[in-house]
Structure formats: structure tokens, C-alpha cells
Amino acid sequence: MITKGIRGAITVDNNAKSALERATTELLNEIVAQNSIKIDNISHVIFTTTKDLNIDFPAKYARTTLGWKEVAMMCFHELDVPNSLPMCLRVLVVLNCEENFKPKFVYLKGAQDLRK
């Protein structure tokens, strides 16, 4: 087995806990579905948010809503780059996988603009 990263991002409707929970679970569920991930194979997850998203920790919703209680997770703020996409949650899911695994990156809602 080797380790590979899967990138993803989604814009969040507003700086409210319910909006962050919806966005976090939508993004992670889509990454899991598109990549056929077994949760036990996730090594760790790194979340970043733009500075306008500071209401809560995205990792909280991976643990409480999705049940990822055994996955190591950390949350950080993204660099505050002028004119960058606001209200954006980014994630890096690090996965233990076979060498031939081809990760599918997932960009949802306004974050699709990041990969045009």
C-alpha cells in the first residue's frame, strides 16, 4: 500500500454552523463516493477555510455527522490571498491505497471555478 491525497473544495453559503455542516458533509460524502473510499483506509484529513469561515471546525462534522471518529483531522485557515475565492472550505483526504489508485478530485458549487 501507498499513500495518496485527494483534494476537494466547496463554497459555503454563509458563516453559520448549519451551513458549514452541510458543506462539510456534502464535500466529504462526494469524495468518498467518487473514489470508492473505505473510511478505515483514510490516514488523515486536513481542512482549510478562508478567514470568513470561522464559526466552527469542519472536522467536528466529519466526526459527529459522518462518524469518522478514528480519523486524524486538523483544521487551518487558508492563506488570505487578495481576490481569492471567499467562503471556501478546502480539504485534503490522505488515503492508504493501492499504487494504481487514481484519485478523483472534487470541486463543488463556487469552488468549481478553482479548476477551470
Foldseek 3Di string as FASTA:
>chain_A
DDKDKAKEKEAFPAQDPVRLLVRLVVTVVVQCVVQVDDLVFWAAKEKEAAPRHDNDFSVVSCCPVVVSVPHHYDYYYDPNDPPDDHRMMMMMTMGDDDPPRDGDHYYDDPRVVVPD
